[in-house]
Amino acid sequence: MKITFCAVAVALLLCTVESKELIVDHVRRPPAVPKVQVYSSKPAELGKGNTLICLVQAFHPPEITIELLKDGAVLPNANQTDLSFDKTWHFHLSKFADITPSKEESYACQVTHIGKRTVHAWEPNM
């Protein structure tokens, strides 16, 4: 009984130490600037429904805000995926919304990471 208890205690201690090392390693990483792609799910056609997608990848730390814009205003109907990361603790996230492009409108993705805001225009190639 004592041997089992000791084995469990040692296993918990090792798991806790390993977990803390992963967290510390995650916190110490230098910032990585997000890579941003803005595209549509189908080739763009004026007056036809489509989905605008903003894919943001390879960033660190995970604190980030993504907004889809129509003529500079935030699209209220946008959805966001869950935050994911790879084995190097670089994160990725996407935001998407249904749109119907017209000649008069412009669309963009605004990303704010570590206080730095960038705007990436959608180039529909129509």
Protein backbone atom coordinates (compact mmCIF):
# COMPACT_ATOMS: atom_id res chain seq x y z
CA MET A 1 0.00 0.00 0.00
CA LYS A 2 2.83 2.42 0.90
CA ILE A 3 4.63 1.59 -2.35
CA THR A 4 1.50 2.34 -4.42
CA PHE A 5 0.96 5.63 -2.58
CA CYS A 6 4.61 6.63 -3.11
CA ALA A 7 4.44 5.74 -6.80
CA VAL A 8 1.31 7.88 -7.27
CA ALA A 9 2.88 10.79 -5.36
CA VAL A 10 6.05 10.65 -7.47
CA ALA A 11 4.01 10.46 -10.70
CA LEU A 12 1.94 13.50 -9.69
CA LEU A 13 5.08 15.43 -8.79
CA LEU A 14 6.71 14.62 -12.14
CA CYS A 15 3.57 15.57 -14.08
CA THR A 16 3.32 18.86 -12.19
CA VAL A 17 6.97 19.74 -12.85
CA GLU A 18 6.65 18.86 -16.55
CA SER A 19 3.46 20.91 -16.83
CA LYS A 20 5.10 23.96 -15.20
CA GLU A 21 8.09 23.67 -17.54
CA LEU A 22 5.77 23.72 -20.56
CA ILE A 23 3.98 26.79 -19.22
CA VAL A 24 7.25 28.60 -18.47
CA ASP A 25 8.59 27.68 -21.91
CA HIS A 26 5.37 29.02 -23.47
CA VAL A 27 5.64 32.32 -21.58
CA ARG A 28 9.33 32.91 -22.41
CA ARG A 29 8.94 32.68 -26.20
CA PRO A 30 9.58 35.90 -28.11
CA PRO A 31 6.59 37.42 -29.92
CA ALA A 32 5.86 36.09 -33.41
CA VAL A 33 4.10 38.41 -35.86
CA PRO A 34 0.87 36.96 -37.32
CA LYS A 35 0.73 35.87 -40.96
CA VAL A 36 -2.61 37.00 -42.40
CA GLN A 37 -4.50 35.80 -45.48
CA VAL A 38 -7.86 37.22 -46.60
CA TYR A 39 -9.80 35.25 -49.19
CA SER A 40 -13.26 34.00 -50.14
CA SER A 41 -14.55 30.44 -50.14
CA LYS A 42 -15.56 30.70 -53.83
CA PRO A 43 -14.37 32.88 -56.72
CA ALA A 44 -15.89 36.34 -56.19
CA GLU A 45 -18.88 37.38 -58.30
CA LEU A 46 -20.73 40.67 -57.88
CA GLY A 47 -24.16 40.23 -56.31
CA LYS A 48 -23.62 36.54 -55.43
CA GLY A 49 -23.31 35.23 -51.88
CA ASN A 50 -19.89 34.16 -50.67
CA THR A 51 -17.94 33.65 -47.45
CA LEU A 52 -15.11 36.02 -46.53
CA ILE A 53 -12.35 34.32 -44.54
CA CYS A 54 -9.46 35.82 -42.58
CA LEU A 55 -6.85 33.22 -41.64
CA VAL A 56 -4.30 34.34 -39.04
CA GLN A 57 -1.38 31.98 -38.39
CA ALA A 58 1.98 31.52 -36.67
CA PHE A 59 1.54 34.16 -33.97
CA HIS A 60 2.61 34.27 -30.34
CA PRO A 61 1.49 35.17 -27.69
CA PRO A 62 -2.14 34.14 -28.20
CA GLU A 63 -3.72 37.47 -27.23
CA ILE A 64 -5.18 38.71 -30.51
CA THR A 65 -8.28 40.43 -31.90
CA ILE A 66 -9.56 39.80 -35.42
CA GLU A 67 -12.33 41.86 -37.04
CA LEU A 68 -13.82 41.60 -40.51
CA LEU A 69 -14.62 45.01 -41.98
CA LYS A 70 -17.05 46.19 -44.66
CA ASP A 71 -16.24 49.75 -45.78
CA GLY A 72 -14.30 50.22 -42.53
CA ALA A 73 -17.13 49.09 -40.22
CA VAL A 74 -17.03 45.83 -38.24
CA LEU A 75 -19.20 43.06 -39.69
CA PRO A 76 -21.50 42.04 -36.81
CA ASN A 77 -22.34 38.58 -38.19
CA ALA A 78 -18.77 37.24 -38.23
CA ASN A 79 -17.89 33.91 -36.60
CA GLN A 80 -14.54 32.88 -35.16
CA THR A 81 -12.94 29.46 -34.86
CA ASP A 82 -11.42 28.19 -31.64
CA LEU A 83 -7.83 29.15 -30.95
CA SER A 84 -5.42 26.36 -31.92
CA PHE A 85 -1.67 25.94 -31.61
CA ASP A 86 1.08 23.73 -32.94
CA LYS A 87 3.90 21.96 -31.10
CA THR A 88 6.04 25.14 -31.19
CA TRP A 89 3.33 27.17 -29.43
CA HIS A 90 2.53 29.21 -32.53
CA PHE A 91 -1.18 29.91 -32.66
CA HIS A 92 -3.74 30.12 -35.47
CA LEU A 93 -7.26 31.37 -35.70
CA SER A 94 -9.74 32.35 -38.40
CA LYS A 95 -12.77 34.57 -38.67
CA PHE A 96 -15.41 34.32 -41.39
CA ALA A 97 -18.69 35.90 -42.48
CA ASP A 98 -21.23 35.57 -45.26
CA ILE A 99 -21.06 38.48 -47.70
CA THR A 100 -22.54 39.54 -51.04
CA PRO A 101 -19.88 41.60 -52.80
CA SER A 102 -20.79 44.69 -54.79
CA LYS A 103 -18.66 47.08 -56.82
CA GLU A 104 -19.09 49.91 -54.28
CA GLU A 105 -18.04 47.95 -51.19
CA SER A 106 -14.63 47.05 -49.82
CA TYR A 107 -13.80 44.29 -47.35
CA ALA A 108 -10.80 43.83 -45.08
CA CYS A 109 -9.49 41.98 -42.04
CA GLN A 110 -8.19 43.99 -39.09
CA VAL A 111 -5.77 42.20 -36.76
CA THR A 112 -4.57 43.59 -33.43
CA HIS A 113 -1.68 41.68 -31.84
CA ILE A 114 0.45 42.96 -28.95
CA GLY A 115 -1.02 46.42 -29.43
CA LYS A 116 -0.10 46.60 -33.13
CA ARG A 117 -3.03 46.94 -35.53
CA THR A 118 -2.80 45.94 -39.19
CA VAL A 119 -5.48 46.00 -41.89
CA HIS A 120 -5.41 43.52 -44.76
CA ALA A 121 -7.66 44.23 -47.76
CA TRP A 122 -9.57 41.51 -49.61
CA GLU A 123 -8.60 41.51 -53.28
CA PRO A 124 -11.52 39.73 -54.99
CA ASN A 125 -10.00 39.63 -58.52
CA MET A 126 -13.35 40.12 -60.24
